[in-house]
PDB file of N, CA and C in Angstrom:
ATOM      1  N   VAL A   1      -2.641   1.895   9.280  1.00  0.00           N
ATOM      2  CA  VAL A   1      -2.562   2.580   8.348  1.00  0.00           C
ATOM      3  C   VAL A   1      -2.152   3.029   6.681  1.00  0.00           C
ATOM      4  N   GLN A   2      -1.726   4.479   6.073  1.00  0.00           N
ATOM      5  CA  GLN A   2      -2.748   4.373   5.107  1.00  0.00           C
ATOM      6  C   GLN A   2      -1.371   4.358   3.514  1.00  0.00           C
ATOM      7  N   LEU A   3      -0.511   3.961   4.848  1.00  0.00           N
ATOM      8  CA  LEU A   3       0.994   4.170   4.022  1.00  0.00           C
ATOM      9  C   LEU A   3       1.623   2.823   4.311  1.00  0.00           C
ATOM     10  N   GLN A   4       2.102   2.571   4.061  1.00  0.00           N
ATOM     11  CA  GLN A   4       2.631   1.174   4.097  1.00  0.00           C
ATOM     12  C   GLN A   4       4.585   1.129   3.465  1.00  0.00           C
ATOM     13  N   ALA A   5       5.280   1.079   4.649  1.00  0.00           N
ATOM     14  CA  ALA A   5       6.642   0.999   3.811  1.00  0.00           C
ATOM     15  C   ALA A   5       7.083  -0.628   3.970  1.00  0.00           C
ATOM     16  N   SER A   6       8.062  -0.619   3.374  1.00  0.00           N
ATOM     17  CA  SER A   6       9.508  -2.082   3.378  1.00  0.00           C
ATOM     18  C   SER A   6       9.938  -2.213   2.395  1.00  0.00           C
ATOM     19  N   GLY A   7      11.249  -2.798   2.635  1.00  0.00           N
ATOM     20  CA  GLY A   7      11.733  -3.131   1.910  1.00  0.00           C
ATOM     21  C   GLY A   7      13.235  -2.631   3.177  1.00  0.00           C
ATOM     22  N   GLY A   8      13.472  -2.856   3.504  1.00  0.00           N
ATOM     23  CA  GLY A   8      14.939  -1.780   4.758  1.00  0.00           C
ATOM     24  C   GLY A   8      15.223  -3.377   4.596  1.00  0.00           C
ATOM     25  N   GLY A   9      16.487  -3.280   5.187  1.00  0.00           N
ATOM     26  CA  GLY A   9      16.800  -4.616   5.903  1.00  0.00           C
ATOM     27  C   GLY A   9      18.487  -3.965   6.145  1.00  0.00           C
ATOM     28  N   LEU A  10      19.416  -4.986   6.245  1.00  0.00           N
ATOM     29  CA  LEU A  10      21.216  -4.831   6.825  1.00  0.00           C
ATOM     30  C   LEU A  10      21.828  -5.214   5.250  1.00  0.00           C
ATOM     31  N   VAL A  11      22.557  -4.579   4.972  1.00  0.00           N
ATOM     32  CA  VAL A  11      23.130  -4.493   4.160  1.00  0.00           C
ATOM     33  C   VAL A  11      24.797  -4.155   3.742  1.00  0.00           C
ATOM     34  N   GLN A  12      25.508  -4.111   3.008  1.00  0.00           N
ATOM     35  CA  GLN A  12      26.809  -4.490   3.485  1.00  0.00           C
ATOM     36  C   GLN A  12      27.172  -2.780   2.555  1.00  0.00           C
ATOM     37  N   ALA A  13      28.324  -1.852   2.920  1.00  0.00           N
ATOM     38  CA  ALA A  13      28.239  -0.390   2.655  1.00  0.00           C
ATOM     39  C   ALA A  13      28.328  -1.139   0.804  1.00  0.00           C
ATOM     40  N   GLY A  14      28.063  -0.344  -0.369  1.00  0.00           N
ATOM     41  CA  GLY A  14      27.777  -0.573  -1.492  1.00  0.00           C
ATOM     42  C   GLY A  14      27.165  -1.759  -2.045  1.00  0.00           C
ATOM     43  N   GLY A  15      26.097  -2.388  -1.666  1.00  0.00           N
ATOM     44  CA  GLY A  15      25.498  -2.215  -2.287  1.00  0.00           C
ATOM     45  C   GLY A  15      23.902  -2.421  -2.208  1.00  0.00           C
ATOM     46  N   SER A  16      22.860  -3.099  -2.630  1.00  0.00           N
ATOM     47  CA  SER A  16      21.321  -2.405  -3.080  1.00  0.00           C
ATOM     48  C   SER A  16      20.139  -2.367  -2.300  1.00  0.00           C
ATOM     49  N   LEU A  17      19.126  -1.559  -2.055  1.00  0.00           N
ATOM     50  CA  LEU A  17      18.348  -1.894  -1.544  1.00  0.00           C
ATOM     51  C   LEU A  17      17.474  -1.011  -2.260  1.00  0.00           C
ATOM     52  N   ARG A  18      15.577  -1.870  -1.705  1.00  0.00           N
ATOM     53  CA  ARG A  18      14.738  -1.349  -2.929  1.00  0.00           C
ATOM     54  C   ARG A  18      13.845  -1.425  -1.994  1.00  0.00           C
ATOM     55  N   LEU A  19      12.771   0.428  -1.164  1.00  0.00           N
ATOM     56  CA  LEU A  19      12.596   0.164  -0.467  1.00  0.00           C
ATOM     57  C   LEU A  19      10.486   0.637  -1.570  1.00  0.00           C
ATOM     58  N   ALA A  20       9.660  -0.137  -1.166  1.00  0.00           N
ATOM     59  CA  ALA A  20       8.648   0.083  -1.733  1.00  0.00           C
ATOM     60  C   ALA A  20       7.101   1.242  -0.447  1.00  0.00           C
ATOM     61  N   CYS A  21       6.167   1.757  -0.701  1.00  0.00           N
ATOM     62  CA  CYS A  21       5.419   2.536   0.165  1.00  0.00           C
ATOM     63  C   CYS A  21       4.009   2.426  -0.840  1.00  0.00           C
ATOM     64  N   ALA A  22       3.376   1.121  -0.122  1.00  0.00           N
ATOM     65  CA  ALA A  22       1.767   1.145  -0.782  1.00  0.00           C
ATOM     66  C   ALA A  22       0.920   1.980  -0.220  1.00  0.00           C
ATOM     67  N   ALA A  23       0.172   1.910  -1.419  1.00  0.00           N
ATOM     68  CA  ALA A  23      -0.963   3.222  -0.117  1.00  0.00           C
ATOM     69  C   ALA A  23      -2.241   1.983  -0.115  1.00  0.00           C
ATOM     70  N   ALA A  24      -2.512   2.392   1.205  1.00  0.00           N
ATOM     71  CA  ALA A  24      -3.914   1.764   1.780  1.00  0.00           C
ATOM     72  C   ALA A  24      -5.595   2.237   1.090  1.00  0.00           C
ATOM     73  N   ARG A  25      -5.865   1.261   1.290  1.00  0.00           N
ATOM     74  CA  ARG A  25      -7.647   1.408   0.211  1.00  0.00           C
ATOM     75  C   ARG A  25      -8.114   2.794   0.170  1.00  0.00           C
ATOM     76  N   SER A  26      -8.123   2.970   1.903  1.00  0.00           N
ATOM     77  CA  SER A  26      -8.480   3.877   1.985  1.00  0.00           C
ATOM     78  C   SER A  26      -7.898   6.066   1.039  1.00  0.00           C
ATOM     79  N   ILE A  27      -6.915   5.142   0.948  1.00  0.00           N
ATOM     80  CA  ILE A  27      -6.204   5.822  -0.400  1.00  0.00           C
ATOM     81  C   ILE A  27      -5.850   6.849  -1.458  1.00  0.00           C
ATOM     82  N   LEU A  28      -6.957   4.803  -1.990  1.00  0.00           N
ATOM     83  CA  LEU A  28      -6.298   4.635  -3.351  1.00  0.00           C
ATOM     84  C   LEU A  28      -6.870   5.783  -4.649  1.00  0.00           C
ATOM     85  N   SER A  29      -7.750   6.644  -3.516  1.00  0.00           N
ATOM     86  CA  SER A  29      -7.895   7.486  -5.319  1.00  0.00           C
ATOM     87  C   SER A  29      -7.397   8.411  -4.980  1.00  0.00           C
ATOM     88  N   THR A  30      -6.509   8.338  -4.164  1.00  0.00           N
ATOM     89  CA  THR A  30      -6.089  10.560  -3.941  1.00  0.00           C
ATOM     90  C   THR A  30      -4.765   9.774  -4.596  1.00  0.00           C
ATOM     91  N   PHE A  31      -4.015   8.527  -5.466  1.00  0.00           N
ATOM     92  CA  PHE A  31      -2.685   8.611  -5.366  1.00  0.00           C
ATOM     93  C   PHE A  31      -2.746   9.038  -6.912  1.00  0.00           C
ATOM     94  N   SER A  32      -2.749   9.693  -7.750  1.00  0.00           N
ATOM     95  CA  SER A  32      -2.280   9.259  -8.886  1.00  0.00           C
ATOM     96  C   SER A  32      -1.652  11.198  -9.081  1.00  0.00           C
ATOM     97  N   GLY A  33      -2.761  11.792  -8.347  1.00  0.00           N
ATOM     98  CA  GLY A  33      -2.609  13.564  -8.002  1.00  0.00           C
ATOM     99  C   GLY A  33      -2.319  13.896  -6.826  1.00  0.00           C
ATOM    100  N   SER A  34      -1.353  13.113  -5.930  1.00  0.00           N
ATOM    101  CA  SER A  34      -0.470  13.554  -5.661  1.00  0.00           C
ATOM    102  C   SER A  34       1.064  13.170  -5.257  1.00  0.00           C
ATOM    103  N   THR A  35       1.531  14.347  -4.869  1.00  0.00           N
ATOM    104  CA  THR A  35       3.146  14.432  -4.323  1.00  0.00           C
ATOM    105  C   THR A  35       3.464  13.006  -3.329  1.00  0.00           C
ATOM    106  N   PHE A  36       5.091  12.760  -4.013  1.00  0.00           N
ATOM    107  CA  PHE A  36       5.385  12.146  -2.698  1.00  0.00           C
ATOM    108  C   PHE A  36       6.949  11.305  -2.481  1.00  0.00           C
ATOM    109  N   ASP A  37       6.873  11.684  -1.243  1.00  0.00           N
ATOM    110  CA  ASP A  37       8.371  12.330  -1.022  1.00  0.00           C
ATOM    111  C   ASP A  37       9.210  10.871   0.006  1.00  0.00           C
ATOM    112  N   TRP A  38       9.861  10.582   0.212  1.00  0.00           N
ATOM    113  CA  TRP A  38      11.267   9.774   0.502  1.00  0.00           C
ATOM    114  C   TRP A  38      12.148  11.345   1.516  1.00  0.00           C
ATOM    115  N   TYR A  39      11.642  10.491   2.960  1.00  0.00           N
ATOM    116  CA  TYR A  39      12.430  11.338   4.336  1.00  0.00           C
ATOM    117  C   TYR A  39      13.391   9.760   4.776  1.00  0.00           C
ATOM    118  N   HIS A  40      14.488  10.901   5.300  1.00  0.00           N
ATOM    119  CA  HIS A  40      15.600   9.717   5.503  1.00  0.00           C
ATOM    120  C   HIS A  40      15.437  10.460   6.989  1.00  0.00           C
ATOM    121  N   GLN A  41      15.942   9.083   8.255  1.00  0.00           N
ATOM    122  CA  GLN A  41      16.496  10.184   9.363  1.00  0.00           C
ATOM    123  C   GLN A  41      17.419   9.465   9.808  1.00  0.00           C
ATOM    124  N   ALA A  42      19.157   9.595   9.913  1.00  0.00           N
ATOM    125  CA  ALA A  42      19.802   8.716  10.670  1.00  0.00           C
ATOM    126  C   ALA A  42      19.351   8.850  11.976  1.00  0.00           C
ATOM    127  N   PRO A  43      20.020   8.444  13.147  1.00  0.00           N
ATOM    128  CA  PRO A  43      19.852   8.398  14.471  1.00  0.00           C
ATOM    129  C   PRO A  43      20.688   9.424  14.763  1.00  0.00           C
ATOM    130  N   GLY A  44      20.293  10.213  16.164  1.00  0.00           N
ATOM    131  CA  GLY A  44      19.954  11.275  16.554  1.00  0.00           C
ATOM    132  C   GLY A  44      19.650  12.490  15.947  1.00  0.00           C
ATOM    133  N   LYS A  45      19.366  12.020  14.347  1.00  0.00           N
ATOM    134  CA  LYS A  45      19.288  13.828  13.288  1.00  0.00           C
ATOM    135  C   LYS A  45      17.876  14.005  13.183  1.00  0.00           C
ATOM    136  N   GLU A  46      17.119  15.266  12.629  1.00  0.00           N
ATOM    137  CA  GLU A  46      16.442  15.532  12.049  1.00  0.00           C
ATOM    138  C   GLU A  46      16.310  14.675  10.632  1.00  0.00           C
ATOM    139  N   ARG A  47      14.831  14.331  10.408  1.00  0.00           N
ATOM    140  CA  ARG A  47      13.817  13.968   9.005  1.00  0.00           C
ATOM    141  C   ARG A  47      14.908  15.278   7.989  1.00  0.00           C
ATOM    142  N   GLU A  48      15.123  14.319   6.944  1.00  0.00           N
ATOM    143  CA  GLU A  48      15.327  15.078   5.853  1.00  0.00           C
ATOM    144  C   GLU A  48      15.203  14.404   4.417  1.00  0.00           C
ATOM    145  N   LEU A  49      14.629  15.140   3.458  1.00  0.00           N
ATOM    146  CA  LEU A  49      13.661  14.906   2.008  1.00  0.00           C
ATOM    147  C   LEU A  49      15.166  14.229   1.092  1.00  0.00           C
ATOM    148  N   VAL A  50      14.894  13.025   0.948  1.00  0.00           N
ATOM    149  CA  VAL A  50      15.817  12.500  -0.137  1.00  0.00           C
ATOM    150  C   VAL A  50      15.225  12.907  -1.971  1.00  0.00           C
ATOM    151  N   ALA A  51      14.072  12.280  -1.506  1.00  0.00           N
ATOM    152  CA  ALA A  51      13.637  12.223  -2.974  1.00  0.00           C
ATOM    153  C   ALA A  51      11.690  12.177  -3.425  1.00  0.00           C
ATOM    154  N   ARG A  52      11.902  13.375  -4.228  1.00  0.00           N
ATOM    155  CA  ARG A  52      10.417  13.687  -4.918  1.00  0.00           C
ATOM    156  C   ARG A  52       9.742  13.380  -5.792  1.00  0.00           C
ATOM    157  N   THR A  53       8.835  12.540  -6.174  1.00  0.00           N
ATOM    158  CA  THR A  53       7.824  12.315  -7.033  1.00  0.00           C
ATOM    159  C   THR A  53       6.933  13.075  -7.534  1.00  0.00           C
ATOM    160  N   SER A  54       6.532  13.714  -8.216  1.00  0.00           N
ATOM    161  CA  SER A  54       5.624  15.028  -8.721  1.00  0.00           C
ATOM    162  C   SER A  54       4.028  14.600  -8.832  1.00  0.00           C
ATOM    163  N   THR A  55       3.246  14.913  -8.958  1.00  0.00           N
ATOM    164  CA  THR A  55       1.736  14.854 -10.284  1.00  0.00           C
ATOM    165  C   THR A  55       2.085  14.552 -11.708  1.00  0.00           C
ATOM    166  N   ASP A  56       3.597  15.145 -12.325  1.00  0.00           N
ATOM    167  CA  ASP A  56       3.625  15.192 -13.469  1.00  0.00           C
ATOM    168  C   ASP A  56       5.048  14.568 -14.072  1.00  0.00           C
ATOM    169  N   GLY A  57       5.398  13.430 -13.235  1.00  0.00           N
ATOM    170  CA  GLY A  57       6.059  12.826 -13.245  1.00  0.00           C
ATOM    171  C   GLY A  57       7.954  12.879 -13.408  1.00  0.00           C
ATOM    172  N   THR A  58       7.578  13.848 -12.751  1.00  0.00           N
ATOM    173  CA  THR A  58       9.709  14.821 -12.069  1.00  0.00           C
ATOM    174  C   THR A  58       9.963  14.530 -11.651  1.00  0.00           C
ATOM    175  N   THR A  59      11.599  14.562 -11.019  1.00  0.00           N
ATOM    176  CA  THR A  59      11.886  13.645 -10.240  1.00  0.00           C
ATOM    177  C   THR A  59      12.843  14.908  -9.527  1.00  0.00           C
ATOM    178  N   THR A  60      13.039  14.534  -8.108  1.00  0.00           N
ATOM    179  CA  THR A  60      13.741  15.868  -7.755  1.00  0.00           C
ATOM    180  C   THR A  60      14.474  14.678  -6.132  1.00  0.00           C
ATOM    181  N   TYR A  61      15.907  15.461  -6.402  1.00  0.00           N
ATOM    182  CA  TYR A  61      16.739  14.390  -5.017  1.00  0.00           C
ATOM    183  C   TYR A  61      17.047  15.047  -4.308  1.00  0.00           C
ATOM    184  N   GLY A  62      17.769  15.042  -3.001  1.00  0.00           N
ATOM    185  CA  GLY A  62      18.773  15.489  -2.395  1.00  0.00           C
ATOM    186  C   GLY A  62      20.269  15.229  -2.932  1.00  0.00           C
ATOM    187  N   ASP A  63      21.113  16.219  -2.259  1.00  0.00           N
ATOM    188  CA  ASP A  63      22.911  16.562  -2.688  1.00  0.00           C
ATOM    189  C   ASP A  63      23.395  14.780  -2.054  1.00  0.00           C
ATOM    190  N   SER A  64      23.002  14.716  -1.131  1.00  0.00           N
ATOM    191  CA  SER A  64      23.554  13.605  -0.278  1.00  0.00           C
ATOM    192  C   SER A  64      23.194  12.152  -1.477  1.00  0.00           C
ATOM    193  N   VAL A  65      22.063  12.492  -2.822  1.00  0.00           N
ATOM    194  CA  VAL A  65      21.777  10.686  -2.641  1.00  0.00           C
ATOM    195  C   VAL A  65      21.656  10.579  -4.694  1.00  0.00           C
ATOM    196  N   LYS A  66      22.258  12.037  -4.879  1.00  0.00           N
ATOM    197  CA  LYS A  66      21.998  12.085  -6.209  1.00  0.00           C
ATOM    198  C   LYS A  66      22.697  11.303  -7.130  1.00  0.00           C
ATOM    199  N   GLY A  67      22.329  10.603  -7.849  1.00  0.00           N
ATOM    200  CA  GLY A  67      23.090   9.521  -8.945  1.00  0.00           C
ATOM    201  C   GLY A  67      23.302   7.929  -8.004  1.00  0.00           C
ATOM    202  N   ARG A  68      22.626   8.115  -6.688  1.00  0.00           N
ATOM    203  CA  ARG A  68      22.387   6.684  -6.256  1.00  0.00           C
ATOM    204  C   ARG A  68      21.198   6.006  -5.990  1.00  0.00           C
ATOM    205  N   PHE A  69      20.553   7.192  -6.016  1.00  0.00           N
ATOM    206  CA  PHE A  69      18.857   6.848  -5.433  1.00  0.00           C
ATOM    207  C   PHE A  69      17.785   7.492  -6.544  1.00  0.00           C
ATOM    208  N   THR A  70      16.929   6.158  -6.798  1.00  0.00           N
ATOM    209  CA  THR A  70      15.735   6.503  -7.723  1.00  0.00           C
ATOM    210  C   THR A  70      14.424   6.418  -7.082  1.00  0.00           C
ATOM    211  N   ILE A  71      13.792   7.676  -7.045  1.00  0.00           N
ATOM    212  CA  ILE A  71      12.456   7.040  -7.142  1.00  0.00           C
ATOM    213  C   ILE A  71      11.474   7.623  -8.258  1.00  0.00           C
ATOM    214  N   SER A  72      10.497   6.318  -8.058  1.00  0.00           N
ATOM    215  CA  SER A  72       9.820   6.166  -8.998  1.00  0.00           C
ATOM    216  C   SER A  72       7.989   5.724  -8.485  1.00  0.00           C
ATOM    217  N   ARG A  73       7.128   5.293  -9.471  1.00  0.00           N
ATOM    218  CA  ARG A  73       5.491   4.928  -8.680  1.00  0.00           C
ATOM    219  C   ARG A  73       5.365   4.202  -9.994  1.00  0.00           C
ATOM    220  N   ASN A  74       4.370   4.055  -9.324  1.00  0.00           N
ATOM    221  CA  ASN A  74       3.253   3.120 -10.419  1.00  0.00           C
ATOM    222  C   ASN A  74       2.486   2.940  -9.425  1.00  0.00           C
ATOM    223  N   ASN A  75       1.692   4.439 -11.149  1.00  0.00           N
ATOM    224  CA  ASN A  75      -0.197   4.355 -10.132  1.00  0.00           C
ATOM    225  C   ASN A  75      -0.660   3.905 -10.677  1.00  0.00           C
ATOM    226  N   ASN A  76      -0.652   2.696 -11.185  1.00  0.00           N
ATOM    227  CA  ASN A  76      -1.550   1.423 -11.267  1.00  0.00           C
ATOM    228  C   ASN A  76      -1.474   0.290  -9.723  1.00  0.00           C
ATOM    229  N   LYS A  77      -0.290   0.490  -9.384  1.00  0.00           N
ATOM    230  CA  LYS A  77       0.254  -0.613  -8.212  1.00  0.00           C
ATOM    231  C   LYS A  77      -0.839  -0.142  -7.134  1.00  0.00           C
ATOM    232  N   LYS A  78      -0.217   1.897  -7.140  1.00  0.00           N
ATOM    233  CA  LYS A  78      -0.531   2.490  -5.741  1.00  0.00           C
ATOM    234  C   LYS A  78       0.462   2.063  -4.903  1.00  0.00           C
ATOM    235  N   THR A  79       2.401   2.625  -5.218  1.00  0.00           N
ATOM    236  CA  THR A  79       3.003   2.435  -4.784  1.00  0.00           C
ATOM    237  C   THR A  79       4.528   3.078  -5.708  1.00  0.00           C
ATOM    238  N   VAL A  80       4.570   3.663  -4.344  1.00  0.00           N
ATOM    239  CA  VAL A  80       5.891   4.064  -5.297  1.00  0.00           C
ATOM    240  C   VAL A  80       7.038   4.131  -4.437  1.00  0.00           C
ATOM    241  N   TYR A  81       8.807   3.213  -4.868  1.00  0.00           N
ATOM    242  CA  TYR A  81       9.204   2.896  -4.508  1.00  0.00           C
ATOM    243  C   TYR A  81      10.728   3.649  -4.453  1.00  0.00           C
ATOM    244  N   LEU A  82      11.873   3.677  -4.178  1.00  0.00           N
ATOM    245  CA  LEU A  82      12.658   4.158  -3.735  1.00  0.00           C
ATOM    246  C   LEU A  82      13.944   3.254  -4.106  1.00  0.00           C
ATOM    247  N   GLN A  83      14.602   2.928  -5.210  1.00  0.00           N
ATOM    248  CA  GLN A  83      16.004   2.625  -5.626  1.00  0.00           C
ATOM    249  C   GLN A  83      17.217   3.026  -4.756  1.00  0.00           C
ATOM    250  N   MET A  84      17.830   2.761  -4.136  1.00  0.00           N
ATOM    251  CA  MET A  84      19.216   2.595  -3.254  1.00  0.00           C
ATOM    252  C   MET A  84      20.117   1.835  -3.623  1.00  0.00           C
ATOM    253  N   ASN A  85      20.729   2.191  -4.395  1.00  0.00           N
ATOM    254  CA  ASN A  85      22.342   2.189  -4.699  1.00  0.00           C
ATOM    255  C   ASN A  85      23.335   2.904  -4.250  1.00  0.00           C
ATOM    256  N   SER A  86      24.655   1.895  -4.638  1.00  0.00           N
ATOM    257  CA  SER A  86      26.544   2.420  -3.771  1.00  0.00           C
ATOM    258  C   SER A  86      26.166   2.492  -2.214  1.00  0.00           C
ATOM    259  N   LEU A  87      25.466   1.849  -1.248  1.00  0.00           N
ATOM    260  CA  LEU A  87      24.852   2.459  -0.778  1.00  0.00           C
ATOM    261  C   LEU A  87      26.221   3.085   0.662  1.00  0.00           C
ATOM    262  N   LYS A  88      25.663   3.901   1.356  1.00  0.00           N
ATOM    263  CA  LYS A  88      26.705   3.664   2.150  1.00  0.00           C
ATOM    264  C   LYS A  88      26.093   4.570   3.810  1.00  0.00           C
ATOM    265  N   PRO A  89      27.138   3.619   5.182  1.00  0.00           N
ATOM    266  CA  PRO A  89      27.300   4.025   6.131  1.00  0.00           C
ATOM    267  C   PRO A  89      26.439   4.967   6.692  1.00  0.00           C
ATOM    268  N   GLU A  90      26.236   6.514   6.189  1.00  0.00           N
ATOM    269  CA  GLU A  90      26.087   7.241   6.527  1.00  0.00           C
ATOM    270  C   GLU A  90      23.824   7.350   5.820  1.00  0.00           C
ATOM    271  N   ASP A  91      24.143   6.690   5.506  1.00  0.00           N
ATOM    272  CA  ASP A  91      23.131   6.101   4.668  1.00  0.00           C
ATOM    273  C   ASP A  91      21.750   4.894   5.525  1.00  0.00           C
ATOM    274  N   THR A  92      22.560   4.625   6.818  1.00  0.00           N
ATOM    275  CA  THR A  92      22.053   4.261   7.754  1.00  0.00           C
ATOM    276  C   THR A  92      20.944   5.033   8.357  1.00  0.00           C
ATOM    277  N   GLY A  93      19.439   4.456   8.662  1.00  0.00           N
ATOM    278  CA  GLY A  93      18.717   5.353   9.316  1.00  0.00           C
ATOM    279  C   GLY A  93      17.159   4.807   9.028  1.00  0.00           C
ATOM    280  N   ALA A  94      15.974   5.249   9.482  1.00  0.00           N
ATOM    281  CA  ALA A  94      14.633   5.633   9.171  1.00  0.00           C
ATOM    282  C   ALA A  94      14.197   5.454   7.957  1.00  0.00           C
ATOM    283  N   TYR A  95      13.677   5.027   6.689  1.00  0.00           N
ATOM    284  CA  TYR A  95      12.956   5.790   5.285  1.00  0.00           C
ATOM    285  C   TYR A  95      11.393   5.857   5.736  1.00  0.00           C
ATOM    286  N   TYR A  96      10.993   6.908   5.251  1.00  0.00           N
ATOM    287  CA  TYR A  96       9.797   7.698   5.645  1.00  0.00           C
ATOM    288  C   TYR A  96       8.738   7.682   4.454  1.00  0.00           C
ATOM    289  N   CYS A  97       7.870   7.311   4.349  1.00  0.00           N
ATOM    290  CA  CYS A  97       7.331   7.975   2.508  1.00  0.00           C
ATOM    291  C   CYS A  97       6.162   9.263   3.580  1.00  0.00           C
ATOM    292  N   ASN A  98       5.393   9.867   2.198  1.00  0.00           N
ATOM    293  CA  ASN A  98       5.735  11.147   2.212  1.00  0.00           C
ATOM    294  C   ASN A  98       4.147  11.279   1.019  1.00  0.00           C
ATOM    295  N   LEU A  99       3.203  11.231   1.799  1.00  0.00           N
ATOM    296  CA  LEU A  99       2.021  11.598   0.322  1.00  0.00           C
ATOM    297  C   LEU A  99       1.748  12.809   0.957  1.00  0.00           C
ATOM    298  N   ILE A 100       1.931  13.853  -0.673  1.00  0.00           N
ATOM    299  CA  ILE A 100       0.935  15.484  -0.806  1.00  0.00           C
ATOM    300  C   ILE A 100       0.091  15.053  -0.696  1.00  0.00           C
ATOM    301  N   ASN A 101      -1.140  15.796  -0.732  1.00  0.00           N
ATOM    302  CA  ASN A 101      -1.930  15.636  -2.044  1.00  0.00           C
ATOM    303  C   ASN A 101      -2.537  17.723  -1.553  1.00  0.00           C
ATOM    304  N   SER A 102      -2.010  18.924  -1.995  1.00  0.00           N
ATOM    305  CA  SER A 102      -2.759  20.516  -1.651  1.00  0.00           C
ATOM    306  C   SER A 102      -4.297  20.481  -1.879  1.00  0.00           C
ATOM    307  N   TYR A 103      -4.612  19.466  -3.351  1.00  0.00           N
ATOM    308  CA  TYR A 103      -6.282  19.769  -3.293  1.00  0.00           C
ATOM    309  C   TYR A 103      -7.144  19.286  -2.417  1.00  0.00           C
ATOM    310  N   LEU A 104      -6.440  18.338  -2.255  1.00  0.00           N
ATOM    311  CA  LEU A 104      -7.330  17.454  -0.893  1.00  0.00           C
ATOM    312  C   LEU A 104      -7.029  17.843   0.864  1.00  0.00           C
ATOM    313  N   LYS A 105      -6.099  18.352   0.275  1.00  0.00           N
ATOM    314  CA  LYS A 105      -5.076  18.994   1.998  1.00  0.00           C
ATOM    315  C   LYS A 105      -4.417  17.374   2.326  1.00  0.00           C
ATOM    316  N   LEU A 106      -4.321  16.782   2.226  1.00  0.00           N
ATOM    317  CA  LEU A 106      -3.457  15.331   3.122  1.00  0.00           C
ATOM    318  C   LEU A 106      -2.388  14.849   2.697  1.00  0.00           C
ATOM    319  N   ASN A 107      -2.276  15.209   4.074  1.00  0.00           N
ATOM    320  CA  ASN A 107      -0.253  14.439   4.392  1.00  0.00           C
ATOM    321  C   ASN A 107      -0.360  13.290   4.797  1.00  0.00           C
ATOM    322  N   VAL A 108       0.276  12.964   4.380  1.00  0.00           N
ATOM    323  CA  VAL A 108       0.064  11.025   4.685  1.00  0.00           C
ATOM    324  C   VAL A 108       1.358  10.420   5.347  1.00  0.00           C
ATOM    325  N   TRP A 109       1.778  10.391   6.275  1.00  0.00           N
ATOM    326  CA  TRP A 109       3.089   9.660   6.274  1.00  0.00           C
ATOM    327  C   TRP A 109       2.743   8.050   6.679  1.00  0.00           C
ATOM    328  N   GLY A 110       3.952   7.492   6.601  1.00  0.00           N
ATOM    329  CA  GLY A 110       4.265   6.203   6.760  1.00  0.00           C
ATOM    330  C   GLY A 110       4.693   5.127   7.841  1.00  0.00           C
ATOM    331  N   GLN A 111       4.995   4.749   8.541  1.00  0.00           N
ATOM    332  CA  GLN A 111       5.053   4.038   9.159  1.00  0.00           C
ATOM    333  C   GLN A 111       7.052   4.269   9.127  1.00  0.00           C
ATOM    334  N   GLY A 112       7.149   4.343   8.113  1.00  0.00           N
ATOM    335  CA  GLY A 112       9.005   3.908   8.162  1.00  0.00           C
ATOM    336  C   GLY A 112       9.310   2.773   8.469  1.00  0.00           C
ATOM    337  N   THR A 113      10.635   2.420   7.627  1.00  0.00           N
ATOM    338  CA  THR A 113      10.755   1.152   6.963  1.00  0.00           C
ATOM    339  C   THR A 113      13.117   1.358   7.696  1.00  0.00           C
ATOM    340  N   LEU A 114      13.349   0.567   8.072  1.00  0.00           N
ATOM    341  CA  LEU A 114      14.867   0.384   8.705  1.00  0.00           C
ATOM    342  C   LEU A 114      15.673   0.187   7.399  1.00  0.00           C
ATOM    343  N   VAL A 115      17.269   0.200   7.534  1.00  0.00           N
ATOM    344  CA  VAL A 115      18.102   0.382   6.588  1.00  0.00           C
ATOM    345  C   VAL A 115      19.357   0.714   6.976  1.00  0.00           C
ATOM    346  N   THR A 116      20.449  -1.051   7.232  1.00  0.00           N
ATOM    347  CA  THR A 116      21.116  -0.095   7.798  1.00  0.00           C
ATOM    348  C   THR A 116      22.235  -0.876   7.261  1.00  0.00           C
ATOM    349  N   VAL A 117      23.110   0.085   6.929  1.00  0.00           N
ATOM    350  CA  VAL A 117      24.353  -0.453   6.279  1.00  0.00           C
ATOM    351  C   VAL A 117      25.677  -0.093   7.471  1.00  0.00           C
ATOM    352  N   SER A 118      26.437  -1.205   6.593  1.00  0.00           N
ATOM    353  CA  SER A 118      27.498  -1.207   7.368  1.00  0.00           C
ATOM    354  C   SER A 118      28.500  -1.170   6.773  1.00  0.00           C
ATOM    355  N   SER A 119      30.245  -1.225   7.312  1.00  0.00           N
ATOM    356  CA  SER A 119      31.191  -0.615   6.520  1.00  0.00           C
ATOM    357  C   SER A 119      32.227  -1.845   6.822  1.00  0.00           C
TER     358      SER A 119
END
């Protein structure tokens, strides 16, 4: 596994979780030059982009998570985080991290971590 996602779990509505996505040794050298995305896939629905951190540090968010989720990266630890606050039941699902490096033609997916938000 080249990207290891962790941090999912069961939380009540209004609670918080922090997801982490760590790069494996095989892709460490590409980390700082890559864009990272977090995707959310609700049960029975398609995967959708919720947050992105680009190589220049800029971040973008899906409308459904703006003001609640924060994506960040630590290039020294080779890890990308997704801080999720004010969680809602509709945030339930699997969360996947994705590395994109256009120069190296890389598109790598993590294995996903499951988040369940109870009402």
